[in-house]
């Protein structure tokens, strides 16, 4: 057990949030202090894991994350 911790067994906040979101049908990956990817409906976003700030600008047609997707993201931050 000690060897696992010494070899990087502890996850970063971004890794924990990404794991949680992927279990909820998001397709994301951790990227340093952020989580990047898409919601189940294909809306792309970046999330700052420590602050919860979400950037979903830049999607075609100015589409944004739904209120439900935002709630799922918030649930994974805790």
PDB file of N, CA and C in Angstrom:
ATOM      1  N   UNK A   1       0.818  -1.185   0.000  1.00  0.00           N
ATOM      2  CA  UNK A   1       0.000   0.000   0.000  1.00  0.00           C
ATOM      3  C   UNK A   1       0.868   1.257   0.000  1.00  0.00           C
ATOM      4  N   UNK A   2       1.924   1.241   0.769  1.00  0.00           N
ATOM      5  CA  UNK A   2       2.816   2.384   0.807  1.00  0.00           C
ATOM      6  C   UNK A   2       3.470   2.585  -0.559  1.00  0.00           C
ATOM      7  N   UNK A   3       3.808   1.511  -1.226  1.00  0.00           N
ATOM      8  CA  UNK A   3       4.448   1.615  -2.544  1.00  0.00           C
ATOM      9  C   UNK A   3       3.512   2.267  -3.550  1.00  0.00           C
ATOM     10  N   UNK A   4       2.222   1.987  -3.486  1.00  0.00           N
ATOM     11  CA  UNK A   4       1.277   2.594  -4.404  1.00  0.00           C
ATOM     12  C   UNK A   4       1.200   4.098  -4.213  1.00  0.00           C
ATOM     13  N   UNK A   5       1.183   4.533  -2.983  1.00  0.00           N
ATOM     14  CA  UNK A   5       1.137   5.960  -2.710  1.00  0.00           C
ATOM     15  C   UNK A   5       2.414   6.638  -3.176  1.00  0.00           C
ATOM     16  N   UNK A   6       3.533   6.015  -2.953  1.00  0.00           N
ATOM     17  CA  UNK A   6       4.808   6.592  -3.354  1.00  0.00           C
ATOM     18  C   UNK A   6       4.941   6.647  -4.879  1.00  0.00           C
ATOM     19  N   UNK A   7       4.254   5.784  -5.589  1.00  0.00           N
ATOM     20  CA  UNK A   7       4.351   5.732  -7.051  1.00  0.00           C
ATOM     21  C   UNK A   7       3.240   6.506  -7.742  1.00  0.00           C
ATOM     22  N   UNK A   8       2.586   7.391  -7.048  1.00  0.00           N
ATOM     23  CA  UNK A   8       1.569   8.208  -7.692  1.00  0.00           C
ATOM     24  C   UNK A   8       0.155   7.682  -7.526  1.00  0.00           C
ATOM     25  N   UNK A   9      -0.103   6.883  -6.505  1.00  0.00           N
ATOM     26  CA  UNK A   9      -1.430   6.319  -6.293  1.00  0.00           C
ATOM     27  C   UNK A   9      -2.481   7.355  -5.928  1.00  0.00           C
ATOM     28  N   UNK A  10      -2.080   8.492  -5.392  1.00  0.00           N
ATOM     29  CA  UNK A  10      -3.036   9.541  -5.011  1.00  0.00           C
ATOM     30  C   UNK A  10      -3.465  10.314  -6.257  1.00  0.00           C
ATOM     31  N   UNK A  11      -4.777  10.564  -6.364  1.00  0.00           N
ATOM     32  CA  UNK A  11      -5.304  11.284  -7.531  1.00  0.00           C
ATOM     33  C   UNK A  11      -5.412  12.773  -7.244  1.00  0.00           C
ATOM     34  N   UNK A  12      -5.227  13.558  -8.289  1.00  0.00           N
ATOM     35  CA  UNK A  12      -5.389  15.004  -8.194  1.00  0.00           C
ATOM     36  C   UNK A  12      -6.879  15.331  -8.185  1.00  0.00           C
ATOM     37  N   UNK A  13      -7.244  16.558  -7.780  1.00  0.00           N
ATOM     38  CA  UNK A  13      -8.660  16.946  -7.850  1.00  0.00           C
ATOM     39  C   UNK A  13      -9.225  16.813  -9.268  1.00  0.00           C
ATOM     40  N   UNK A  14      -8.452  17.173 -10.282  1.00  0.00           N
ATOM     41  CA  UNK A  14      -8.931  17.063 -11.665  1.00  0.00           C
ATOM     42  C   UNK A  14      -9.166  15.609 -12.049  1.00  0.00           C
ATOM     43  N   UNK A  15      -8.306  14.707 -11.608  1.00  0.00           N
ATOM     44  CA  UNK A  15      -8.485  13.283 -11.901  1.00  0.00           C
ATOM     45  C   UNK A  15      -9.742  12.728 -11.225  1.00  0.00           C
ATOM     46  N   UNK A  16      -9.980  13.138  -9.985  1.00  0.00           N
ATOM     47  CA  UNK A  16     -11.177  12.666  -9.266  1.00  0.00           C
ATOM     48  C   UNK A  16     -12.449  13.167  -9.937  1.00  0.00           C
ATOM     49  N   UNK A  17     -12.465  14.440 -10.325  1.00  0.00           N
ATOM     50  CA  UNK A  17     -13.647  15.000 -10.992  1.00  0.00           C
ATOM     51  C   UNK A  17     -13.861  14.318 -12.339  1.00  0.00           C
ATOM     52  N   UNK A  18     -12.797  14.099 -13.102  1.00  0.00           N
ATOM     53  CA  UNK A  18     -12.913  13.438 -14.404  1.00  0.00           C
ATOM     54  C   UNK A  18     -13.464  12.022 -14.245  1.00  0.00           C
ATOM     55  N   UNK A  19     -12.988  11.287 -13.251  1.00  0.00           N
ATOM     56  CA  UNK A  19     -13.502   9.937 -13.004  1.00  0.00           C
ATOM     57  C   UNK A  19     -14.999   9.972 -12.712  1.00  0.00           C
ATOM     58  N   UNK A  20     -15.410  10.904 -11.862  1.00  0.00           N
ATOM     59  CA  UNK A  20     -16.817  11.040 -11.497  1.00  0.00           C
ATOM     60  C   UNK A  20     -17.665  11.360 -12.728  1.00  0.00           C
ATOM     61  N   UNK A  21     -17.228  12.319 -13.532  1.00  0.00           N
ATOM     62  CA  UNK A  21     -17.998  12.716 -14.715  1.00  0.00           C
ATOM     63  C   UNK A  21     -18.067  11.596 -15.751  1.00  0.00           C
ATOM     64  N   UNK A  22     -16.979  10.872 -15.941  1.00  0.00           N
ATOM     65  CA  UNK A  22     -16.991   9.778 -16.906  1.00  0.00           C
ATOM     66  C   UNK A  22     -17.967   8.680 -16.493  1.00  0.00           C
ATOM     67  N   UNK A  23     -18.158   8.494 -15.195  1.00  0.00           N
ATOM     68  CA  UNK A  23     -19.149   7.528 -14.711  1.00  0.00           C
ATOM     69  C   UNK A  23     -20.580   8.007 -14.986  1.00  0.00           C
ATOM     70  N   UNK A  24     -20.734   9.305 -15.268  1.00  0.00           N
ATOM     71  CA  UNK A  24     -22.051   9.887 -15.550  1.00  0.00           C
ATOM     72  C   UNK A  24     -22.231  10.156 -17.042  1.00  0.00           C
ATOM     73  N   UNK A  25     -21.511   9.409 -17.864  1.00  0.00           N
ATOM     74  CA  UNK A  25     -21.608   9.460 -19.336  1.00  0.00           C
ATOM     75  C   UNK A  25     -21.021  10.701 -19.983  1.00  0.00           C
ATOM     76  N   UNK A  26     -20.215  11.477 -19.258  1.00  0.00           N
ATOM     77  CA  UNK A  26     -19.443  12.540 -19.878  1.00  0.00           C
ATOM     78  C   UNK A  26     -18.221  11.879 -20.517  1.00  0.00           C
ATOM     79  N   UNK A  27     -17.574  12.556 -21.423  1.00  0.00           N
ATOM     80  CA  UNK A  27     -16.344  12.066 -22.029  1.00  0.00           C
ATOM     81  C   UNK A  27     -15.282  13.127 -21.786  1.00  0.00           C
ATOM     82  N   UNK A  28     -14.557  12.984 -20.683  1.00  0.00           N
ATOM     83  CA  UNK A  28     -13.606  14.010 -20.253  1.00  0.00           C
ATOM     84  C   UNK A  28     -12.294  13.379 -19.833  1.00  0.00           C
ATOM     85  N   UNK A  29     -11.283  14.246 -19.717  1.00  0.00           N
ATOM     86  CA  UNK A  29      -9.998  13.824 -19.183  1.00  0.00           C
ATOM     87  C   UNK A  29      -9.384  14.960 -18.390  1.00  0.00           C
ATOM     88  N   UNK A  30      -8.588  14.622 -17.379  1.00  0.00           N
ATOM     89  CA  UNK A  30      -7.904  15.672 -16.627  1.00  0.00           C
ATOM     90  C   UNK A  30      -6.769  16.256 -17.449  1.00  0.00           C
ATOM     91  N   UNK A  31      -6.543  17.546 -17.287  1.00  0.00           N
ATOM     92  CA  UNK A  31      -5.452  18.252 -17.959  1.00  0.00           C
ATOM     93  C   UNK A  31      -4.874  19.244 -16.965  1.00  0.00           C
ATOM     94  N   UNK A  32      -3.900  18.792 -16.206  1.00  0.00           N
ATOM     95  CA  UNK A  32      -3.313  19.581 -15.113  1.00  0.00           C
ATOM     96  C   UNK A  32      -4.369  19.931 -14.081  1.00  0.00           C
ATOM     97  N   UNK A  33      -4.723  21.204 -13.941  1.00  0.00           N
ATOM     98  CA  UNK A  33      -5.702  21.622 -12.929  1.00  0.00           C
ATOM     99  C   UNK A  33      -7.121  21.685 -13.488  1.00  0.00           C
ATOM    100  N   UNK A  34      -7.279  21.282 -14.753  1.00  0.00           N
ATOM    101  CA  UNK A  34      -8.577  21.388 -15.420  1.00  0.00           C
ATOM    102  C   UNK A  34      -9.088  20.014 -15.825  1.00  0.00           C
ATOM    103  N   UNK A  35     -10.375  19.997 -16.180  1.00  0.00           N
ATOM    104  CA  UNK A  35     -10.994  18.832 -16.800  1.00  0.00           C
ATOM    105  C   UNK A  35     -11.533  19.321 -18.141  1.00  0.00           C
ATOM    106  N   UNK A  36     -11.221  18.607 -19.209  1.00  0.00           N
ATOM    107  CA  UNK A  36     -11.648  19.010 -20.550  1.00  0.00           C
ATOM    108  C   UNK A  36     -12.371  17.866 -21.227  1.00  0.00           C
ATOM    109  N   UNK A  37     -13.410  18.203 -22.000  1.00  0.00           N
ATOM    110  CA  UNK A  37     -14.119  17.168 -22.739  1.00  0.00           C
ATOM    111  C   UNK A  37     -15.512  17.610 -23.115  1.00  0.00           C
ATOM    112  N   UNK A  38     -16.418  16.625 -23.195  1.00  0.00           N
ATOM    113  CA  UNK A  38     -17.783  16.913 -23.613  1.00  0.00           C
ATOM    114  C   UNK A  38     -18.800  16.293 -22.672  1.00  0.00           C
ATOM    115  N   UNK A  39     -19.954  16.961 -22.622  1.00  0.00           N
ATOM    116  CA  UNK A  39     -21.104  16.451 -21.885  1.00  0.00           C
ATOM    117  C   UNK A  39     -21.744  15.336 -22.711  1.00  0.00           C
ATOM    118  N   UNK A  40     -22.668  14.572 -22.136  1.00  0.00           N
ATOM    119  CA  UNK A  40     -23.306  13.491 -22.891  1.00  0.00           C
ATOM    120  C   UNK A  40     -23.969  13.938 -24.199  1.00  0.00           C
ATOM    121  N   UNK A  41     -24.413  15.186 -24.272  1.00  0.00           N
ATOM    122  CA  UNK A  41     -25.045  15.674 -25.497  1.00  0.00           C
ATOM    123  C   UNK A  41     -24.055  16.319 -26.468  1.00  0.00           C
ATOM    124  N   UNK A  42     -22.751  16.198 -26.200  1.00  0.00           N
ATOM    125  CA  UNK A  42     -21.725  16.670 -27.123  1.00  0.00           C
ATOM    126  C   UNK A  42     -21.255  18.092 -26.924  1.00  0.00           C
ATOM    127  N   UNK A  43     -21.745  18.792 -25.910  1.00  0.00           N
ATOM    128  CA  UNK A  43     -21.305  20.160 -25.652  1.00  0.00           C
ATOM    129  C   UNK A  43     -19.907  20.129 -25.022  1.00  0.00           C
ATOM    130  N   UNK A  44     -18.952  20.795 -25.674  1.00  0.00           N
ATOM    131  CA  UNK A  44     -17.581  20.842 -25.180  1.00  0.00           C
ATOM    132  C   UNK A  44     -17.455  21.863 -24.055  1.00  0.00           C
ATOM    133  N   UNK A  45     -16.591  21.548 -23.087  1.00  0.00           N
ATOM    134  CA  UNK A  45     -16.373  22.476 -21.971  1.00  0.00           C
ATOM    135  C   UNK A  45     -15.028  22.208 -21.328  1.00  0.00           C
ATOM    136  N   UNK A  46     -14.579  23.200 -20.578  1.00  0.00           N
ATOM    137  CA  UNK A  46     -13.404  23.085 -19.726  1.00  0.00           C
ATOM    138  C   UNK A  46     -13.834  23.481 -18.326  1.00  0.00           C
ATOM    139  N   UNK A  47     -13.370  22.744 -17.345  1.00  0.00           N
ATOM    140  CA  UNK A  47     -13.715  22.983 -15.948  1.00  0.00           C
ATOM    141  C   UNK A  47     -12.438  23.145 -15.144  1.00  0.00           C
ATOM    142  N   UNK A  48     -12.357  24.197 -14.346  1.00  0.00           N
ATOM    143  CA  UNK A  48     -11.247  24.349 -13.408  1.00  0.00           C
ATOM    144  C   UNK A  48     -11.660  23.582 -12.153  1.00  0.00           C
ATOM    145  N   UNK A  49     -10.959  22.486 -11.880  1.00  0.00           N
ATOM    146  CA  UNK A  49     -11.379  21.562 -10.824  1.00  0.00           C
ATOM    147  C   UNK A  49     -11.433  22.206  -9.442  1.00  0.00           C
ATOM    148  N   UNK A  50     -10.519  23.075  -9.131  1.00  0.00           N
ATOM    149  CA  UNK A  50     -10.469  23.649  -7.774  1.00  0.00           C
ATOM    150  C   UNK A  50     -11.508  24.738  -7.538  1.00  0.00           C
ATOM    151  N   UNK A  51     -11.863  25.479  -8.578  1.00  0.00           N
ATOM    152  CA  UNK A  51     -12.795  26.594  -8.395  1.00  0.00           C
ATOM    153  C   UNK A  51     -14.203  26.289  -8.889  1.00  0.00           C
ATOM    154  N   UNK A  52     -14.327  25.307  -9.772  1.00  0.00           N
ATOM    155  CA  UNK A  52     -15.633  24.994 -10.342  1.00  0.00           C
ATOM    156  C   UNK A  52     -16.019  25.884 -11.512  1.00  0.00           C
ATOM    157  N   UNK A  53     -15.104  26.733 -11.977  1.00  0.00           N
ATOM    158  CA  UNK A  53     -15.397  27.616 -13.105  1.00  0.00           C
ATOM    159  C   UNK A  53     -15.519  26.787 -14.382  1.00  0.00           C
ATOM    160  N   UNK A  54     -16.609  27.000 -15.116  1.00  0.00           N
ATOM    161  CA  UNK A  54     -16.893  26.254 -16.343  1.00  0.00           C
ATOM    162  C   UNK A  54     -16.834  27.205 -17.529  1.00  0.00           C
ATOM    163  N   UNK A  55     -16.135  26.777 -18.587  1.00  0.00           N
ATOM    164  CA  UNK A  55     -16.108  27.529 -19.839  1.00  0.00           C
ATOM    165  C   UNK A  55     -16.695  26.642 -20.930  1.00  0.00           C
ATOM    166  N   UNK A  56     -17.887  26.995 -21.390  1.00  0.00           N
ATOM    167  CA  UNK A  56     -18.523  26.243 -22.471  1.00  0.00           C
ATOM    168  C   UNK A  56     -18.756  27.122 -23.693  1.00  0.00           C
ATOM    169  N   UNK A  57     -17.951  28.185 -23.809  1.00  0.00           N
ATOM    170  CA  UNK A  57     -18.036  29.047 -24.992  1.00  0.00           C
ATOM    171  C   UNK A  57     -17.341  28.354 -26.150  1.00  0.00           C
ATOM    172  N   UNK A  58     -17.649  28.772 -27.336  1.00  0.00           N
ATOM    173  CA  UNK A  58     -16.977  28.232 -28.507  1.00  0.00           C
ATOM    174  C   UNK A  58     -17.669  27.046 -29.151  1.00  0.00           C
ATOM    175  N   UNK A  59     -18.817  26.623 -28.634  1.00  0.00           N
ATOM    176  CA  UNK A  59     -19.563  25.543 -29.268  1.00  0.00           C
ATOM    177  C   UNK A  59     -20.332  26.084 -30.469  1.00  0.00           C
ATOM    178  N   UNK A  60     -20.526  25.264 -31.506  1.00  0.00           N
ATOM    179  CA  UNK A  60     -21.280  25.714 -32.680  1.00  0.00           C
ATOM    180  C   UNK A  60     -22.682  26.194 -32.301  1.00  0.00           C
ATOM    181  N   UNK A  61     -23.120  27.251 -32.941  1.00  0.00           N
ATOM    182  CA  UNK A  61     -24.457  27.773 -32.670  1.00  0.00           C
ATOM    183  C   UNK A  61     -24.616  28.351 -31.282  1.00  0.00           C
ATOM    184  N   UNK A  62     -23.490  28.665 -30.644  1.00  0.00           N
ATOM    185  CA  UNK A  62     -23.502  29.223 -29.283  1.00  0.00           C
ATOM    186  C   UNK A  62     -24.213  28.315 -28.289  1.00  0.00           C
ATOM    187  N   UNK A  63     -24.183  26.993 -28.530  1.00  0.00           N
ATOM    188  CA  UNK A  63     -24.795  26.042 -27.603  1.00  0.00           C
ATOM    189  C   UNK A  63     -24.041  26.047 -26.286  1.00  0.00           C
ATOM    190  N   UNK A  64     -24.759  25.835 -25.217  1.00  0.00           N
ATOM    191  CA  UNK A  64     -24.196  25.838 -23.860  1.00  0.00           C
ATOM    192  C   UNK A  64     -24.593  24.559 -23.137  1.00  0.00           C
ATOM    193  N   UNK A  65     -23.930  24.287 -22.039  1.00  0.00           N
ATOM    194  CA  UNK A  65     -24.297  23.162 -21.192  1.00  0.00           C
ATOM    195  C   UNK A  65     -25.705  23.357 -20.646  1.00  0.00           C
ATOM    196  N   UNK A  66     -26.451  22.275 -20.541  1.00  0.00           N
ATOM    197  CA  UNK A  66     -27.789  22.349 -19.961  1.00  0.00           C
ATOM    198  C   UNK A  66     -27.688  22.529 -18.450  1.00  0.00           C
ATOM    199  N   UNK A  67     -28.777  22.955 -17.841  1.00  0.00           N
ATOM    200  CA  UNK A  67     -28.816  23.107 -16.385  1.00  0.00           C
ATOM    201  C   UNK A  67     -28.555  21.758 -15.708  1.00  0.00           C
ATOM    202  N   UNK A  68     -29.075  20.686 -16.293  1.00  0.00           N
ATOM    203  CA  UNK A  68     -28.862  19.347 -15.731  1.00  0.00           C
ATOM    204  C   UNK A  68     -27.400  18.934 -15.780  1.00  0.00           C
ATOM    205  N   UNK A  69     -26.737  19.223 -16.897  1.00  0.00           N
ATOM    206  CA  UNK A  69     -25.314  18.895 -17.003  1.00  0.00           C
ATOM    207  C   UNK A  69     -24.496  19.714 -16.014  1.00  0.00           C
ATOM    208  N   UNK A  70     -24.843  20.977 -15.853  1.00  0.00           N
ATOM    209  CA  UNK A  70     -24.137  21.814 -14.873  1.00  0.00           C
ATOM    210  C   UNK A  70     -24.311  21.263 -13.453  1.00  0.00           C
ATOM    211  N   UNK A  71     -25.487  20.769 -13.153  1.00  0.00           N
ATOM    212  CA  UNK A  71     -25.744  20.192 -11.830  1.00  0.00           C
ATOM    213  C   UNK A  71     -24.909  18.926 -11.626  1.00  0.00           C
ATOM    214  N   UNK A  72     -24.827  18.091 -12.659  1.00  0.00           N
ATOM    215  CA  UNK A  72     -23.991  16.883 -12.551  1.00  0.00           C
ATOM    216  C   UNK A  72     -22.531  17.255 -12.334  1.00  0.00           C
ATOM    217  N   UNK A  73     -22.067  18.267 -13.029  1.00  0.00           N
ATOM    218  CA  UNK A  73     -20.686  18.725 -12.848  1.00  0.00           C
ATOM    219  C   UNK A  73     -20.479  19.196 -11.412  1.00  0.00           C
ATOM    220  N   UNK A  74     -21.403  20.005 -10.911  1.00  0.00           N
ATOM    221  CA  UNK A  74     -21.289  20.488  -9.519  1.00  0.00           C
ATOM    222  C   UNK A  74     -21.279  19.326  -8.529  1.00  0.00           C
ATOM    223  N   UNK A  75     -22.081  18.283  -8.787  1.00  0.00           N
ATOM    224  CA  UNK A  75     -22.118  17.146  -7.864  1.00  0.00           C
ATOM    225  C   UNK A  75     -20.775  16.415  -7.814  1.00  0.00           C
ATOM    226  N   UNK A  76     -20.033  16.449  -8.897  1.00  0.00           N
ATOM    227  CA  UNK A  76     -18.722  15.790  -8.926  1.00  0.00           C
ATOM    228  C   UNK A  76     -17.622  16.627  -8.274  1.00  0.00           C
ATOM    229  N   UNK A  77     -17.885  17.878  -8.024  1.00  0.00           N
ATOM    230  CA  UNK A  77     -16.889  18.749  -7.387  1.00  0.00           C
ATOM    231  C   UNK A  77     -16.824  18.552  -5.879  1.00  0.00           C
ATOM    232  N   UNK A  78     -17.799  17.869  -5.308  1.00  0.00           N
ATOM    233  CA  UNK A  78     -17.837  17.701  -3.848  1.00  0.00           C
ATOM    234  C   UNK A  78     -17.303  16.380  -3.412  1.00  0.00           C
TER     235      UNK A  78
END
